[in-house]
Full PDB file with SEQRES, HELIX, SHEET, SSBOND, CRYST1, ORIGX, SCALE, CONECT and MASTER records, all heavy atoms in Angstrom:
SEQRES   1 A   42  MET SER ARG PRO ARG ARG GLU ARG ASN PHE THR ARG ARG          
SEQRES   2 A   42  PHE PHE LEU ASP PRO THR ALA ARG THR LEU PHE PRO PRO          
SEQRES   3 A   42  GLU ASP HIS ALA GLY HIS ALA ARG THR HIS VAL ALA THR          
SEQRES   4 A   42  LEU ARG SER                                                  
HELIX    1 AA1 ARG A    5  ARG A    8  5                                   4    
HELIX    2 AA2 PHE A   10  LEU A   16  1                                   7    
HELIX    3 AA3 PRO A   18  LEU A   23  5                                   6    
HELIX    4 AA4 PRO A   26  ASP A   28  5                                   3    
HELIX    5 AA5 HIS A   29  ARG A   41  1                                  13    
CRYST1    1.000    1.000    1.000  90.00  90.00  90.00 P 1           1          
ORIGX1      1.000000  0.000000  0.000000        0.00000                         
ORIGX2      0.000000  1.000000  0.000000        0.00000                         
ORIGX3      0.000000  0.000000  1.000000        0.00000                         
SCALE1      1.000000  0.000000  0.000000        0.00000                         
SCALE2      0.000000  1.000000  0.000000        0.00000                         
SCALE3      0.000000  0.000000  1.000000        0.00000                         
ATOM      1  N   MET A   1      13.516  -3.970  26.596  1.00  0.00           N  
ATOM      2  CA  MET A   1      12.970  -3.798  27.937  1.00  0.00           C  
ATOM      3  C   MET A   1      13.401  -2.489  28.591  1.00  0.00           C  
ATOM      4  O   MET A   1      12.822  -2.073  29.584  1.00  0.00           O  
ATOM      5  CB  MET A   1      13.369  -4.976  28.824  1.00  0.00           C  
ATOM      6  CG  MET A   1      12.843  -6.328  28.349  1.00  0.00           C  
ATOM      7  SD  MET A   1      11.060  -6.328  28.076  1.00  0.00           S  
ATOM      8  CE  MET A   1      10.470  -5.995  29.728  1.00  0.00           C  
ATOM      9  N   SER A   2      14.401  -1.819  28.042  1.00  0.00           N  
ATOM     10  CA  SER A   2      14.833  -0.534  28.594  1.00  0.00           C  
ATOM     11  C   SER A   2      13.969   0.620  28.078  1.00  0.00           C  
ATOM     12  O   SER A   2      14.083   1.744  28.572  1.00  0.00           O  
ATOM     13  CB  SER A   2      16.301  -0.276  28.247  1.00  0.00           C  
ATOM     14  OG  SER A   2      16.462  -0.087  26.841  1.00  0.00           O  
ATOM     15  N   ARG A   3      13.103   0.351  27.097  1.00  0.00           N  
ATOM     16  CA  ARG A   3      12.262   1.392  26.543  1.00  0.00           C  
ATOM     17  C   ARG A   3      10.970   1.538  27.346  1.00  0.00           C  
ATOM     18  O   ARG A   3      10.576   0.623  28.060  1.00  0.00           O  
ATOM     19  CB  ARG A   3      11.906   1.061  25.087  1.00  0.00           C  
ATOM     20  CG  ARG A   3      13.102   0.907  24.164  1.00  0.00           C  
ATOM     21  CD  ARG A   3      12.655   0.445  22.796  1.00  0.00           C  
ATOM     22  NE  ARG A   3      13.801   0.223  21.916  1.00  0.00           N  
ATOM     23  CZ  ARG A   3      13.888  -0.734  21.019  1.00  0.00           C  
ATOM     24  NH1 ARG A   3      12.883  -1.584  20.873  1.00  0.00           N  
ATOM     25  NH2 ARG A   3      14.954  -0.870  20.264  1.00  0.00           N  
ATOM     26  N   PRO A   4      10.281   2.660  27.202  1.00  0.00           N  
ATOM     27  CA  PRO A   4       8.944   2.774  27.804  1.00  0.00           C  
ATOM     28  C   PRO A   4       8.043   1.659  27.294  1.00  0.00           C  
ATOM     29  O   PRO A   4       8.212   1.183  26.158  1.00  0.00           O  
ATOM     30  CB  PRO A   4       8.464   4.154  27.327  1.00  0.00           C  
ATOM     31  CG  PRO A   4       9.710   4.906  27.014  1.00  0.00           C  
ATOM     32  CD  PRO A   4      10.695   3.892  26.519  1.00  0.00           C  
ATOM     33  N   ARG A   5       7.065   1.250  28.101  1.00  0.00           N  
ATOM     34  CA  ARG A   5       6.259   0.095  27.744  1.00  0.00           C  
ATOM     35  C   ARG A   5       5.591   0.249  26.382  1.00  0.00           C  
ATOM     36  O   ARG A   5       5.505  -0.715  25.614  1.00  0.00           O  
ATOM     37  CB  ARG A   5       5.201  -0.166  28.814  1.00  0.00           C  
ATOM     38  CG  ARG A   5       4.352  -1.394  28.501  1.00  0.00           C  
ATOM     39  CD  ARG A   5       3.421  -1.777  29.613  1.00  0.00           C  
ATOM     40  NE  ARG A   5       2.663  -2.969  29.236  1.00  0.00           N  
ATOM     41  CZ  ARG A   5       1.752  -3.543  30.015  1.00  0.00           C  
ATOM     42  NH1 ARG A   5       1.504  -3.060  31.217  1.00  0.00           N  
ATOM     43  NH2 ARG A   5       1.103  -4.620  29.590  1.00  0.00           N  
ATOM     44  N   ARG A   6       5.153   1.425  26.063  1.00  0.00           N  
ATOM     45  CA  ARG A   6       4.463   1.641  24.786  1.00  0.00           C  
ATOM     46  C   ARG A   6       5.368   1.280  23.610  1.00  0.00           C  
ATOM     47  O   ARG A   6       4.890   0.826  22.563  1.00  0.00           O  
ATOM     48  CB  ARG A   6       4.020   3.102  24.696  1.00  0.00           C  
ATOM     49  CG  ARG A   6       3.383   3.471  23.371  1.00  0.00           C  
ATOM     50  CD  ARG A   6       2.969   4.935  23.359  1.00  0.00           C  
ATOM     51  NE  ARG A   6       2.528   5.325  22.026  1.00  0.00           N  
ATOM     52  CZ  ARG A   6       1.339   5.037  21.526  1.00  0.00           C  
ATOM     53  NH1 ARG A   6       0.480   4.365  22.241  1.00  0.00           N  
ATOM     54  NH2 ARG A   6       1.010   5.423  20.309  1.00  0.00           N  
ATOM     55  N   GLU A   7       6.671   1.458  23.757  1.00  0.00           N  
ATOM     56  CA  GLU A   7       7.613   1.215  22.668  1.00  0.00           C  
ATOM     57  C   GLU A   7       8.116  -0.223  22.645  1.00  0.00           C  
ATOM     58  O   GLU A   7       8.982  -0.563  21.838  1.00  0.00           O  
ATOM     59  CB  GLU A   7       8.794   2.179  22.775  1.00  0.00           C  
ATOM     60  CG  GLU A   7       8.398   3.632  22.641  1.00  0.00           C  
ATOM     61  CD  GLU A   7       9.584   4.567  22.821  1.00  0.00           C  
ATOM     62  OE1 GLU A   7      10.737   4.082  22.753  1.00  0.00           O  
ATOM     63  OE2 GLU A   7       9.364   5.769  23.039  1.00  0.00           O  
ATOM     64  N   ARG A   8       7.582  -1.088  23.510  1.00  0.00           N  
ATOM     65  CA  ARG A   8       8.008  -2.484  23.523  1.00  0.00           C  
ATOM     66  C   ARG A   8       7.151  -3.357  22.604  1.00  0.00           C  
ATOM     67  O   ARG A   8       7.452  -4.532  22.428  1.00  0.00           O  
ATOM     68  CB  ARG A   8       7.937  -3.038  24.956  1.00  0.00           C  
ATOM     69  CG  ARG A   8       8.861  -2.325  25.937  1.00  0.00           C  
ATOM     70  CD  ARG A   8       8.662  -2.851  27.345  1.00  0.00           C  
ATOM     71  NE  ARG A   8       9.284  -1.982  28.325  1.00  0.00           N  
ATOM     72  CZ  ARG A   8       9.140  -2.099  29.641  1.00  0.00           C  
ATOM     73  NH1 ARG A   8       8.369  -3.080  30.116  1.00  0.00           N  
ATOM     74  NH2 ARG A   8       9.735  -1.267  30.468  1.00  0.00           N  
ATOM     75  N   ASN A   9       6.104  -2.809  22.056  1.00  0.00           N  
ATOM     76  CA  ASN A   9       5.235  -3.585  21.177  1.00  0.00           C  
ATOM     77  C   ASN A   9       5.774  -3.513  19.761  1.00  0.00           C  
ATOM     78  O   ASN A   9       5.753  -2.454  19.120  1.00  0.00           O  
ATOM     79  CB  ASN A   9       3.803  -3.054  21.235  1.00  0.00           C  
ATOM     80  CG  ASN A   9       2.839  -3.937  20.483  1.00  0.00           C  
ATOM     81  OD1 ASN A   9       2.911  -4.067  19.267  1.00  0.00           O  
ATOM     82  ND2 ASN A   9       1.928  -4.570  21.212  1.00  0.00           N  
ATOM     83  N   PHE A  10       6.268  -4.654  19.233  1.00  0.00           N  
ATOM     84  CA  PHE A  10       6.912  -4.600  17.926  1.00  0.00           C  
ATOM     85  C   PHE A  10       5.902  -4.479  16.793  1.00  0.00           C  
ATOM     86  O   PHE A  10       6.257  -4.043  15.698  1.00  0.00           O  
ATOM     87  CB  PHE A  10       7.865  -5.775  17.704  1.00  0.00           C  
ATOM     88  CG  PHE A  10       7.287  -7.151  17.902  1.00  0.00           C  
ATOM     89  CD1 PHE A  10       6.390  -7.694  17.012  1.00  0.00           C  
ATOM     90  CD2 PHE A  10       7.688  -7.926  18.986  1.00  0.00           C  
ATOM     91  CE1 PHE A  10       5.884  -8.967  17.187  1.00  0.00           C  
ATOM     92  CE2 PHE A  10       7.179  -9.199  19.171  1.00  0.00           C  
ATOM     93  CZ  PHE A  10       6.277  -9.733  18.269  1.00  0.00           C  
ATOM     94  N   THR A  11       4.637  -4.816  16.998  1.00  0.00           N  
ATOM     95  CA  THR A  11       3.627  -4.586  15.962  1.00  0.00           C  
ATOM     96  C   THR A  11       3.378  -3.091  15.810  1.00  0.00           C  
ATOM     97  O   THR A  11       3.346  -2.560  14.687  1.00  0.00           O  
ATOM     98  CB  THR A  11       2.312  -5.302  16.306  1.00  0.00           C  
ATOM     99  OG1 THR A  11       2.561  -6.708  16.402  1.00  0.00           O  
ATOM    100  CG2 THR A  11       1.256  -5.050  15.246  1.00  0.00           C  
ATOM    101  N   ARG A  12       3.224  -2.390  16.932  1.00  0.00           N  
ATOM    102  CA  ARG A  12       3.029  -0.931  16.878  1.00  0.00           C  
ATOM    103  C   ARG A  12       4.254  -0.267  16.250  1.00  0.00           C  
ATOM    104  O   ARG A  12       4.136   0.586  15.360  1.00  0.00           O  
ATOM    105  CB  ARG A  12       2.793  -0.380  18.282  1.00  0.00           C  
ATOM    106  CG  ARG A  12       2.727   1.154  18.323  1.00  0.00           C  
ATOM    107  CD  ARG A  12       2.628   1.705  19.725  1.00  0.00           C  
ATOM    108  NE  ARG A  12       1.313   1.496  20.291  1.00  0.00           N  
ATOM    109  CZ  ARG A  12       1.061   0.679  21.311  1.00  0.00           C  
ATOM    110  NH1 ARG A  12       2.048  -0.027  21.861  1.00  0.00           N  
ATOM    111  NH2 ARG A  12      -0.166   0.548  21.783  1.00  0.00           N  
ATOM    112  N   ARG A  13       5.438  -0.652  16.696  1.00  0.00           N  
ATOM    113  CA  ARG A  13       6.645  -0.001  16.197  1.00  0.00           C  
ATOM    114  C   ARG A  13       6.869  -0.280  14.711  1.00  0.00           C  
ATOM    115  O   ARG A  13       7.364   0.583  13.984  1.00  0.00           O  
ATOM    116  CB  ARG A  13       7.866  -0.450  17.007  1.00  0.00           C  
ATOM    117  CG  ARG A  13       7.863   0.042  18.440  1.00  0.00           C  
ATOM    118  CD  ARG A  13       9.191  -0.222  19.142  1.00  0.00           C  
ATOM    119  NE  ARG A  13      10.250   0.545  18.548  1.00  0.00           N  
ATOM    120  CZ  ARG A  13      11.299   0.025  17.912  1.00  0.00           C  
ATOM    121  NH1 ARG A  13      11.414  -1.289  17.781  1.00  0.00           N  
ATOM    122  NH2 ARG A  13      12.240   0.796  17.414  1.00  0.00           N  
ATOM    123  N   PHE A  14       6.496  -1.458  14.248  1.00  0.00           N  
ATOM    124  CA  PHE A  14       6.729  -1.793  12.846  1.00  0.00           C  
ATOM    125  C   PHE A  14       5.965  -0.840  11.932  1.00  0.00           C  
ATOM    126  O   PHE A  14       6.456  -0.461  10.866  1.00  0.00           O  
ATOM    127  CB  PHE A  14       6.308  -3.239  12.566  1.00  0.00           C  
ATOM    128  CG  PHE A  14       6.734  -3.739  11.223  1.00  0.00           C  
ATOM    129  CD1 PHE A  14       7.987  -4.296  11.036  1.00  0.00           C  
ATOM    130  CD2 PHE A  14       5.881  -3.641  10.125  1.00  0.00           C  
ATOM    131  CE1 PHE A  14       8.392  -4.743   9.778  1.00  0.00           C  
ATOM    132  CE2 PHE A  14       6.273  -4.090   8.872  1.00  0.00           C  
ATOM    133  CZ  PHE A  14       7.538  -4.638   8.696  1.00  0.00           C  
ATOM    134  N   PHE A  15       4.774  -0.428  12.341  1.00  0.00           N  
ATOM    135  CA  PHE A  15       3.958   0.437  11.498  1.00  0.00           C  
ATOM    136  C   PHE A  15       4.125   1.922  11.806  1.00  0.00           C  
ATOM    137  O   PHE A  15       3.869   2.760  10.929  1.00  0.00           O  
ATOM    138  CB  PHE A  15       2.481   0.050  11.625  1.00  0.00           C  
ATOM    139  CG  PHE A  15       2.149  -1.252  10.965  1.00  0.00           C  
ATOM    140  CD1 PHE A  15       2.028  -2.411  11.709  1.00  0.00           C  
ATOM    141  CD2 PHE A  15       1.992  -1.341   9.584  1.00  0.00           C  
ATOM    142  CE1 PHE A  15       1.742  -3.625  11.102  1.00  0.00           C  
ATOM    143  CE2 PHE A  15       1.707  -2.544   8.966  1.00  0.00           C  
ATOM    144  CZ  PHE A  15       1.584  -3.693   9.721  1.00  0.00           C  
ATOM    145  N   LEU A  16       4.557   2.274  13.010  1.00  0.00           N  
ATOM    146  CA  LEU A  16       4.607   3.685  13.391  1.00  0.00           C  
ATOM    147  C   LEU A  16       6.012   4.231  13.543  1.00  0.00           C  
ATOM    148  O   LEU A  16       6.195   5.446  13.618  1.00  0.00           O  
ATOM    149  CB  LEU A  16       3.822   3.898  14.695  1.00  0.00           C  
ATOM    150  CG  LEU A  16       2.346   3.489  14.667  1.00  0.00           C  
ATOM    151  CD1 LEU A  16       1.674   3.885  15.980  1.00  0.00           C  
ATOM    152  CD2 LEU A  16       1.619   4.103  13.482  1.00  0.00           C  
ATOM    153  N   ASP A  17       7.024   3.372  13.617  1.00  0.00           N  
ATOM    154  CA  ASP A  17       8.404   3.819  13.787  1.00  0.00           C  
ATOM    155  C   ASP A  17       9.241   3.292  12.617  1.00  0.00           C  
ATOM    156  O   ASP A  17       9.573   2.109  12.570  1.00  0.00           O  
ATOM    157  CB  ASP A  17       8.962   3.296  15.111  1.00  0.00           C  
ATOM    158  CG  ASP A  17      10.395   3.770  15.366  1.00  0.00           C  
ATOM    159  OD1 ASP A  17      10.957   4.463  14.495  1.00  0.00           O  
ATOM    160  OD2 ASP A  17      10.945   3.443  16.433  1.00  0.00           O  
ATOM    161  N   PRO A  18       9.598   4.152  11.665  1.00  0.00           N  
ATOM    162  CA  PRO A  18      10.335   3.686  10.475  1.00  0.00           C  
ATOM    163  C   PRO A  18      11.657   2.998  10.811  1.00  0.00           C  
ATOM    164  O   PRO A  18      12.107   2.122  10.070  1.00  0.00           O  
ATOM    165  CB  PRO A  18      10.565   4.975   9.682  1.00  0.00           C  
ATOM    166  CG  PRO A  18       9.498   5.911  10.149  1.00  0.00           C  
ATOM    167  CD  PRO A  18       9.277   5.583  11.593  1.00  0.00           C  
ATOM    168  N   THR A  19      12.296   3.378  11.913  1.00  0.00           N  
ATOM    169  CA  THR A  19      13.588   2.775  12.248  1.00  0.00           C  
ATOM    170  C   THR A  19      13.461   1.304  12.612  1.00  0.00           C  
ATOM    171  O   THR A  19      14.439   0.550  12.540  1.00  0.00           O  
ATOM    172  CB  THR A  19      14.251   3.524  13.413  1.00  0.00           C  
ATOM    173  OG1 THR A  19      13.449   3.396  14.602  1.00  0.00           O  
ATOM    174  CG2 THR A  19      14.420   5.002  13.093  1.00  0.00           C  
ATOM    175  N   ALA A  20      12.259   0.864  13.006  1.00  0.00           N  
ATOM    176  CA  ALA A  20      12.082  -0.532  13.400  1.00  0.00           C  
ATOM    177  C   ALA A  20      12.329  -1.480  12.235  1.00  0.00           C  
ATOM    178  O   ALA A  20      12.742  -2.628  12.427  1.00  0.00           O  
ATOM    179  CB  ALA A  20      10.674  -0.744  13.971  1.00  0.00           C  
ATOM    180  N   ARG A  21      12.098  -1.022  11.024  1.00  0.00           N  
ATOM    181  CA  ARG A  21      12.223  -1.895   9.856  1.00  0.00           C  
ATOM    182  C   ARG A  21      13.675  -2.082   9.414  1.00  0.00           C  
ATOM    183  O   ARG A  21      13.953  -2.951   8.584  1.00  0.00           O  
ATOM    184  CB  ARG A  21      11.384  -1.362   8.700  1.00  0.00           C  
ATOM    185  CG  ARG A  21       9.917  -1.220   9.066  1.00  0.00           C  
ATOM    186  CD  ARG A  21       9.034  -1.063   7.847  1.00  0.00           C  
ATOM    187  NE  ARG A  21       7.633  -0.917   8.240  1.00  0.00           N  
ATOM    188  CZ  ARG A  21       6.603  -1.107   7.429  1.00  0.00           C  
ATOM    189  NH1 ARG A  21       6.807  -1.438   6.163  1.00  0.00           N  
ATOM    190  NH2 ARG A  21       5.361  -0.967   7.864  1.00  0.00           N  
ATOM    191  N   THR A  22      14.581  -1.282   9.938  1.00  0.00           N  
ATOM    192  CA  THR A  22      15.979  -1.430   9.547  1.00  0.00           C  
ATOM    193  C   THR A  22      16.583  -2.730  10.065  1.00  0.00           C  
ATOM    194  O   THR A  22      17.679  -3.104   9.651  1.00  0.00           O  
ATOM    195  CB  THR A  22      16.811  -0.245  10.056  1.00  0.00           C  
ATOM    196  OG1 THR A  22      16.761  -0.196  11.486  1.00  0.00           O  
ATOM    197  CG2 THR A  22      16.286   1.066   9.492  1.00  0.00           C  
ATOM    198  N   LEU A  23      15.881  -3.429  10.947  1.00  0.00           N  
ATOM    199  CA  LEU A  23      16.334  -4.740  11.410  1.00  0.00           C  
ATOM    200  C   LEU A  23      16.228  -5.800  10.321  1.00  0.00           C  
ATOM    201  O   LEU A  23      16.867  -6.861  10.426  1.00  0.00           O  
ATOM    202  CB  LEU A  23      15.505  -5.187  12.616  1.00  0.00           C  
ATOM    203  CG  LEU A  23      15.808  -4.571  13.978  1.00  0.00           C  
ATOM    204  CD1 LEU A  23      14.741  -4.969  14.975  1.00  0.00           C  
ATOM    205  CD2 LEU A  23      17.180  -5.018  14.465  1.00  0.00           C  
ATOM    206  N   PHE A  24      15.430  -5.539   9.294  1.00  0.00           N  
ATOM    207  CA  PHE A  24      15.121  -6.562   8.301  1.00  0.00           C  
ATOM    208  C   PHE A  24      15.471  -6.073   6.894  1.00  0.00           C  
ATOM    209  O   PHE A  24      15.390  -4.875   6.608  1.00  0.00           O  
ATOM    210  CB  PHE A  24      13.634  -6.923   8.362  1.00  0.00           C  
ATOM    211  CG  PHE A  24      13.117  -7.181   9.747  1.00  0.00           C  
ATOM    212  CD1 PHE A  24      12.340  -6.229  10.406  1.00  0.00           C  
ATOM    213  CD2 PHE A  24      13.422  -8.351  10.413  1.00  0.00           C  
ATOM    214  CE1 PHE A  24      11.867  -6.456  11.684  1.00  0.00           C  
ATOM    215  CE2 PHE A  24      12.964  -8.587  11.692  1.00  0.00           C  
ATOM    216  CZ  PHE A  24      12.185  -7.637  12.331  1.00  0.00           C  
ATOM    217  N   PRO A  25      15.818  -6.987   5.978  1.00  0.00           N  
ATOM    218  CA  PRO A  25      16.049  -6.578   4.587  1.00  0.00           C  
ATOM    219  C   PRO A  25      14.792  -5.948   3.996  1.00  0.00           C  
ATOM    220  O   PRO A  25      13.665  -6.385   4.291  1.00  0.00           O  
ATOM    221  CB  PRO A  25      16.378  -7.911   3.888  1.00  0.00           C  
ATOM    222  CG  PRO A  25      16.852  -8.817   4.975  1.00  0.00           C  
ATOM    223  CD  PRO A  25      16.066  -8.423   6.196  1.00  0.00           C  
ATOM    224  N   PRO A  26      14.944  -4.914   3.157  1.00  0.00           N  
ATOM    225  CA  PRO A  26      13.765  -4.221   2.600  1.00  0.00           C  
ATOM    226  C   PRO A  26      12.795  -5.150   1.883  1.00  0.00           C  
ATOM    227  O   PRO A  26      11.575  -4.949   1.945  1.00  0.00           O  
ATOM    228  CB  PRO A  26      14.392  -3.201   1.643  1.00  0.00           C  
ATOM    229  CG  PRO A  26      15.762  -2.958   2.181  1.00  0.00           C  
ATOM    230  CD  PRO A  26      16.208  -4.262   2.763  1.00  0.00           C  
ATOM    231  N   GLU A  27      13.318  -6.172   1.199  1.00  0.00           N  
ATOM    232  CA  GLU A  27      12.436  -7.065   0.459  1.00  0.00           C  
ATOM    233  C   GLU A  27      11.573  -7.940   1.373  1.00  0.00           C  
ATOM    234  O   GLU A  27      10.623  -8.590   0.903  1.00  0.00           O  
ATOM    235  CB  GLU A  27      13.244  -7.949  -0.491  1.00  0.00           C  
ATOM    236  CG  GLU A  27      14.300  -8.793   0.174  1.00  0.00           C  
ATOM    237  CD  GLU A  27      15.657  -8.108   0.256  1.00  0.00           C  
ATOM    238  OE1 GLU A  27      15.696  -6.847   0.264  1.00  0.00           O  
ATOM    239  OE2 GLU A  27      16.678  -8.817   0.294  1.00  0.00           O  
ATOM    240  N   ASP A  28      11.876  -7.971   2.677  1.00  0.00           N  
ATOM    241  CA  ASP A  28      11.083  -8.761   3.621  1.00  0.00           C  
ATOM    242  C   ASP A  28      10.006  -7.949   4.328  1.00  0.00           C  
ATOM    243  O   ASP A  28       9.185  -8.504   5.060  1.00  0.00           O  
ATOM    244  CB  ASP A  28      11.993  -9.399   4.684  1.00  0.00           C  
ATOM    245  CG  ASP A  28      12.965 -10.411   4.089  1.00  0.00           C  
ATOM    246  OD1 ASP A  28      12.815 -10.748   2.907  1.00  0.00           O  
ATOM    247  OD2 ASP A  28      13.874 -10.846   4.818  1.00  0.00           O  
ATOM    248  N   HIS A  29      10.022  -6.628   4.144  1.00  0.00           N  
ATOM    249  CA  HIS A  29       9.113  -5.766   4.902  1.00  0.00           C  
ATOM    250  C   HIS A  29       7.648  -6.088   4.640  1.00  0.00           C  
ATOM    251  O   HIS A  29       6.828  -6.121   5.568  1.00  0.00           O  
ATOM    252  CB  HIS A  29       9.391  -4.292   4.586  1.00  0.00           C  
ATOM    253  CG  HIS A  29      10.713  -3.811   5.096  1.00  0.00           C  
ATOM    254  ND1 HIS A  29      11.184  -2.530   4.883  1.00  0.00           N  
ATOM    255  CD2 HIS A  29      11.666  -4.444   5.824  1.00  0.00           C  
ATOM    256  CE1 HIS A  29      12.362  -2.398   5.441  1.00  0.00           C  
ATOM    257  NE2 HIS A  29      12.683  -3.544   6.019  1.00  0.00           N  
ATOM    258  N   ALA A  30       7.285  -6.303   3.391  1.00  0.00           N  
ATOM    259  CA  ALA A  30       5.879  -6.545   3.055  1.00  0.00           C  
ATOM    260  C   ALA A  30       5.366  -7.808   3.730  1.00  0.00           C  
ATOM    261  O   ALA A  30       4.232  -7.839   4.243  1.00  0.00           O  
ATOM    262  CB  ALA A  30       5.709  -6.637   1.542  1.00  0.00           C  
ATOM    263  N   GLY A  31       6.167  -8.842   3.754  1.00  0.00           N  
ATOM    264  CA  GLY A  31       5.757 -10.080   4.410  1.00  0.00           C  
ATOM    265  C   GLY A  31       5.581  -9.921   5.902  1.00  0.00           C  
ATOM    266  O   GLY A  31       4.624 -10.443   6.487  1.00  0.00           O  
ATOM    267  N   HIS A  32       6.503  -9.186   6.531  1.00  0.00           N  
ATOM    268  CA  HIS A  32       6.376  -8.940   7.966  1.00  0.00           C  
ATOM    269  C   HIS A  32       5.102  -8.145   8.269  1.00  0.00           C  
ATOM    270  O   HIS A  32       4.386  -8.437   9.230  1.00  0.00           O  
ATOM    271  CB  HIS A  32       7.596  -8.174   8.482  1.00  0.00           C  
ATOM    272  CG  HIS A  32       8.818  -9.019   8.655  1.00  0.00           C  
ATOM    273  ND1 HIS A  32       8.875 -10.084   9.522  1.00  0.00           N  
ATOM    274  CD2 HIS A  32      10.045  -8.957   8.084  1.00  0.00           C  
ATOM    275  CE1 HIS A  32      10.072 -10.635   9.477  1.00  0.00           C  
ATOM    276  NE2 HIS A  32      10.802  -9.976   8.605  1.00  0.00           N  
ATOM    277  N   ALA A  33       4.837  -7.131   7.456  1.00  0.00           N  
ATOM    278  CA  ALA A  33       3.647  -6.304   7.678  1.00  0.00           C  
ATOM    279  C   ALA A  33       2.380  -7.147   7.591  1.00  0.00           C  
ATOM    280  O   ALA A  33       1.481  -7.058   8.444  1.00  0.00           O  
ATOM    281  CB  ALA A  33       3.607  -5.167   6.648  1.00  0.00           C  
ATOM    282  N   ARG A  34       2.303  -7.990   6.594  1.00  0.00           N  
ATOM    283  CA  ARG A  34       1.115  -8.824   6.403  1.00  0.00           C  
ATOM    284  C   ARG A  34       0.944  -9.791   7.579  1.00  0.00           C  
ATOM    285  O   ARG A  34      -0.168 -10.008   8.066  1.00  0.00           O  
ATOM    286  CB  ARG A  34       1.230  -9.584   5.090  1.00  0.00           C  
ATOM    287  CG  ARG A  34      -0.028 -10.321   4.663  1.00  0.00           C  
ATOM    288  CD  ARG A  34       0.122 -10.864   3.257  1.00  0.00           C  
ATOM    289  NE  ARG A  34       0.245  -9.802   2.279  1.00  0.00           N  
ATOM    290  CZ  ARG A  34      -0.791  -9.155   1.754  1.00  0.00           C  
ATOM    291  NH1 ARG A  34      -2.023  -9.483   2.115  1.00  0.00           N  
ATOM    292  NH2 ARG A  34      -0.608  -8.202   0.872  1.00  0.00           N  
ATOM    293  N   THR A  35       2.049 -10.364   8.063  1.00  0.00           N  
ATOM    294  CA  THR A  35       1.978 -11.294   9.191  1.00  0.00           C  
ATOM    295  C   THR A  35       1.524 -10.585  10.459  1.00  0.00           C  
ATOM    296  O   THR A  35       0.696 -11.115  11.219  1.00  0.00           O  
ATOM    297  CB  THR A  35       3.350 -11.948   9.417  1.00  0.00           C  
ATOM    298  OG1 THR A  35       3.707 -12.710   8.257  1.00  0.00           O  
ATOM    299  CG2 THR A  35       3.316 -12.869  10.628  1.00  0.00           C  
ATOM    300  N   HIS A  36       2.063  -9.388  10.715  1.00  0.00           N  
ATOM    301  CA  HIS A  36       1.659  -8.633  11.907  1.00  0.00           C  
ATOM    302  C   HIS A  36       0.149  -8.373  11.902  1.00  0.00           C  
ATOM    303  O   HIS A  36      -0.533  -8.557  12.920  1.00  0.00           O  
ATOM    304  CB  HIS A  36       2.401  -7.300  11.962  1.00  0.00           C  
ATOM    305  CG  HIS A  36       3.820  -7.406  12.425  1.00  0.00           C  
ATOM    306  ND1 HIS A  36       4.194  -8.121  13.541  1.00  0.00           N  
ATOM    307  CD2 HIS A  36       4.969  -6.868  11.933  1.00  0.00           C  
ATOM    308  CE1 HIS A  36       5.492  -8.025  13.712  1.00  0.00           C  
ATOM    309  NE2 HIS A  36       5.990  -7.273  12.746  1.00  0.00           N  
ATOM    310  N   VAL A  37      -0.374  -7.930  10.774  1.00  0.00           N  
ATOM    311  CA  VAL A  37      -1.798  -7.587  10.693  1.00  0.00           C  
ATOM    312  C   VAL A  37      -2.663  -8.835  10.837  1.00  0.00           C  
ATOM    313  O   VAL A  37      -3.648  -8.836  11.595  1.00  0.00           O  
ATOM    314  CB  VAL A  37      -2.099  -6.866   9.365  1.00  0.00           C  
ATOM    315  CG1 VAL A  37      -3.600  -6.618   9.239  1.00  0.00           C  
ATOM    316  CG2 VAL A  37      -1.349  -5.542   9.295  1.00  0.00           C  
ATOM    317  N   ALA A  38      -2.312  -9.896  10.138  1.00  0.00           N  
ATOM    318  CA  ALA A  38      -3.112 -11.120  10.183  1.00  0.00           C  
ATOM    319  C   ALA A  38      -3.110 -11.738  11.581  1.00  0.00           C  
ATOM    320  O   ALA A  38      -4.132 -12.261  12.039  1.00  0.00           O  
ATOM    321  CB  ALA A  38      -2.585 -12.126   9.158  1.00  0.00           C  
ATOM    322  N   THR A  39      -1.997 -11.656  12.271  1.00  0.00           N  
ATOM    323  CA  THR A  39      -1.917 -12.198  13.632  1.00  0.00           C  
ATOM    324  C   THR A  39      -2.757 -11.373  14.591  1.00  0.00           C  
ATOM    325  O   THR A  39      -3.493 -11.920  15.425  1.00  0.00           O  
ATOM    326  CB  THR A  39      -0.453 -12.238  14.101  1.00  0.00           C  
ATOM    327  OG1 THR A  39       0.316 -13.050  13.206  1.00  0.00           O  
ATOM    328  CG2 THR A  39      -0.354 -12.807  15.511  1.00  0.00           C  
ATOM    329  N   LEU A  40      -2.648 -10.049  14.499  1.00  0.00           N  
ATOM    330  CA  LEU A  40      -3.420  -9.188  15.391  1.00  0.00           C  
ATOM    331  C   LEU A  40      -4.918  -9.348  15.149  1.00  0.00           C  
ATOM    332  O   LEU A  40      -5.716  -9.319  16.093  1.00  0.00           O  
ATOM    333  CB  LEU A  40      -3.001  -7.732  15.203  1.00  0.00           C  
ATOM    334  CG  LEU A  40      -3.664  -6.713  16.134  1.00  0.00           C  
ATOM    335  CD1 LEU A  40      -3.459  -7.076  17.603  1.00  0.00           C  
ATOM    336  CD2 LEU A  40      -3.126  -5.302  15.852  1.00  0.00           C  
ATOM    337  N   ARG A  41      -5.327  -9.538  13.902  1.00  0.00           N  
ATOM    338  CA  ARG A  41      -6.751  -9.752  13.629  1.00  0.00           C  
ATOM    339  C   ARG A  41      -7.240 -11.033  14.295  1.00  0.00           C  
ATOM    340  O   ARG A  41      -8.333 -11.075  14.877  1.00  0.00           O  
ATOM    341  CB  ARG A  41      -7.010  -9.828  12.115  1.00  0.00           C  
ATOM    342  CG  ARG A  41      -8.474 -10.085  11.777  1.00  0.00           C  
ATOM    343  CD  ARG A  41      -8.713 -10.124  10.297  1.00  0.00           C  
ATOM    344  NE  ARG A  41      -8.830  -8.804   9.706  1.00  0.00           N  
ATOM    345  CZ  ARG A  41      -9.923  -8.042   9.758  1.00  0.00           C  
ATOM    346  NH1 ARG A  41     -10.992  -8.475  10.415  1.00  0.00           N  
ATOM    347  NH2 ARG A  41      -9.961  -6.869   9.186  1.00  0.00           N  
ATOM    348  N   SER A  42      -6.440 -12.086  14.261  1.00  0.00           N  
ATOM    349  CA  SER A  42      -6.805 -13.339  14.892  1.00  0.00           C  
ATOM    350  C   SER A  42      -6.933 -13.176  16.402  1.00  0.00           C  
ATOM    351  O   SER A  42      -7.879 -13.683  17.018  1.00  0.00           O  
ATOM    352  CB  SER A  42      -5.760 -14.412  14.561  1.00  0.00           C  
ATOM    353  OG  SER A  42      -6.065 -15.629  15.188  1.00  0.00           O  
TER     354      SER A  42                                                      
MASTER        0    0    0    5    0    0    0    6  353    1    0    4          
END                                                                             
């Protein structure tokens, strides 16, 4: 919440900000990416 509003969207940050993925183990990245896209499409 201390960031600018544009940087509060974790779907945008997951794909556009490489540092966002350091929160998760590398082997989980593909699953997170697929979930973000499928949810946004819905």
